[in-house]
Amino acid sequence: MNNIIKVIQNINNVSLNTKTTFYKNVKSGDIISVIYYDVEKEQVRVFQYSGVCLRASKKLYRTKINVKNYFGQTGVIKQFFLYSPFIVDVAILQKTKIKQR
């Protein structure tokens, strides 16, 4: 269990720089991917969630993003706190083009 915690701490230290650049570049409408993990007893499970960013509230270390994805005919909205220790990595897969009027 201690080895797992050390590996996770190293991953979080490296990904802090990517979270900061993501924080500056993300806008609503972008397609993003979030990789996070969950620890239950002795198991560590890694999940990936991709979807459209509905909202990004930028408040430094309280930054949160809402991501919407469709599974079948049901829309699922998940909320992630960007600087949470459970978030391993975030990436912008596709930027949206905004038309100016």
Protein backbone atom coordinates (compact mmCIF):
# COMPACT_ATOMS: atom_id res chain seq x y z
CA MET A 1 0.00 0.00 0.00
CA ASN A 2 2.86 2.41 0.78
CA ASN A 3 4.37 1.83 -2.66
CA ILE A 4 1.07 2.73 -4.30
CA ILE A 5 0.87 5.98 -2.34
CA LYS A 6 4.45 6.95 -3.32
CA VAL A 7 3.74 6.33 -7.02
CA ILE A 8 0.56 8.41 -6.86
CA GLN A 9 2.37 11.28 -5.13
CA ASN A 10 5.05 11.29 -7.86
CA ILE A 11 2.39 11.37 -10.58
CA ASN A 12 0.62 14.30 -8.91
CA ASN A 13 3.85 16.32 -8.66
CA VAL A 14 4.56 15.89 -12.38
CA SER A 15 1.01 16.62 -13.50
CA LEU A 16 0.80 19.95 -11.63
CA ASN A 17 2.44 21.74 -14.58
CA THR A 18 0.01 20.23 -17.08
CA LYS A 19 -2.93 21.22 -14.87
CA THR A 20 -1.72 24.82 -14.79
CA THR A 21 -1.42 25.05 -18.58
CA PHE A 22 -4.80 23.36 -18.94
CA TYR A 23 -6.32 25.84 -16.50
CA LYS A 24 -5.17 28.75 -18.67
CA ASN A 25 -6.29 27.31 -22.03
CA VAL A 26 -9.63 25.55 -21.40
CA LYS A 27 -12.92 27.12 -22.47
CA SER A 28 -16.47 25.84 -22.51
CA GLY A 29 -17.21 23.84 -25.64
CA ASP A 30 -13.79 22.17 -25.81
CA ILE A 31 -13.60 18.38 -25.92
CA ILE A 32 -11.47 17.23 -22.99
CA SER A 33 -10.24 14.04 -21.36
CA VAL A 34 -9.80 13.53 -17.61
CA ILE A 35 -7.82 10.64 -16.12
CA TYR A 36 -8.49 10.01 -12.43
CA TYR A 37 -8.14 7.18 -9.95
CA ASP A 38 -10.08 5.70 -7.07
CA VAL A 39 -8.59 3.84 -4.11
CA GLU A 40 -10.67 1.14 -2.44
CA LYS A 41 -9.00 -0.91 0.28
CA GLU A 42 -5.96 -2.41 -1.52
CA GLN A 43 -7.13 -1.71 -5.08
CA VAL A 44 -6.35 1.31 -7.20
CA ARG A 45 -8.60 1.80 -10.21
CA VAL A 46 -7.80 4.26 -12.97
CA PHE A 47 -10.64 5.77 -15.02
CA GLN A 48 -10.77 7.98 -18.08
CA TYR A 49 -13.69 10.28 -18.80
CA SER A 50 -13.98 12.24 -22.05
CA GLY A 51 -16.62 14.72 -23.09
CA VAL A 52 -17.56 18.32 -23.77
CA CYS A 53 -16.56 20.94 -21.22
CA LEU A 54 -19.75 22.71 -20.21
CA ARG A 55 -18.27 25.07 -17.69
CA ALA A 56 -14.87 25.91 -16.29
CA SER A 57 -14.89 28.09 -13.18
CA LYS A 58 -11.37 29.43 -12.79
CA LYS A 59 -10.61 30.15 -9.14
CA LEU A 60 -6.95 29.11 -8.83
CA TYR A 61 -6.85 26.01 -6.60
CA ARG A 62 -10.65 25.77 -6.45
CA THR A 63 -10.93 25.41 -10.23
CA LYS A 64 -13.63 22.98 -11.29
CA ILE A 65 -14.82 21.75 -14.66
CA ASN A 66 -18.13 20.21 -15.71
CA VAL A 67 -17.82 17.55 -18.40
CA LYS A 68 -20.81 16.13 -20.30
CA ASN A 69 -20.84 12.86 -22.20
CA TYR A 70 -23.61 10.71 -23.66
CA PHE A 71 -23.95 7.03 -22.85
CA GLY A 72 -26.66 5.62 -25.07
CA GLN A 73 -29.52 8.10 -24.89
CA THR A 74 -28.61 9.38 -21.45
CA GLY A 75 -26.45 12.46 -20.87
CA VAL A 76 -24.09 12.26 -17.91
CA ILE A 77 -22.50 15.35 -16.36
CA LYS A 78 -19.52 14.91 -14.05
CA GLN A 79 -17.84 17.61 -12.02
CA PHE A 80 -14.08 17.49 -11.43
CA PHE A 81 -11.98 19.68 -9.17
CA LEU A 82 -8.86 20.27 -11.22
CA TYR A 83 -6.32 20.34 -8.38
CA SER A 84 -7.76 17.33 -6.57
CA PRO A 85 -5.10 14.71 -5.70
CA PHE A 86 -7.26 12.08 -7.43
CA ILE A 87 -6.92 13.74 -10.85
CA VAL A 88 -3.91 12.29 -12.66
CA ASP A 89 -4.03 14.14 -15.98
CA VAL A 90 -6.26 16.38 -18.07
CA ALA A 91 -5.95 17.15 -21.77
CA ILE A 92 -7.75 19.16 -24.41
CA LEU A 93 -8.54 16.83 -27.30
CA GLN A 94 -10.18 19.38 -29.59
CA LYS A 95 -10.63 23.14 -29.40
CA THR A 96 -13.84 24.79 -30.58
CA LYS A 97 -13.79 27.57 -33.09
CA ILE A 98 -15.68 30.64 -31.94
CA LYS A 99 -17.29 32.85 -34.55
CA GLN A 100 -16.98 36.53 -33.87
CA ARG A 101 -19.86 38.80 -34.78
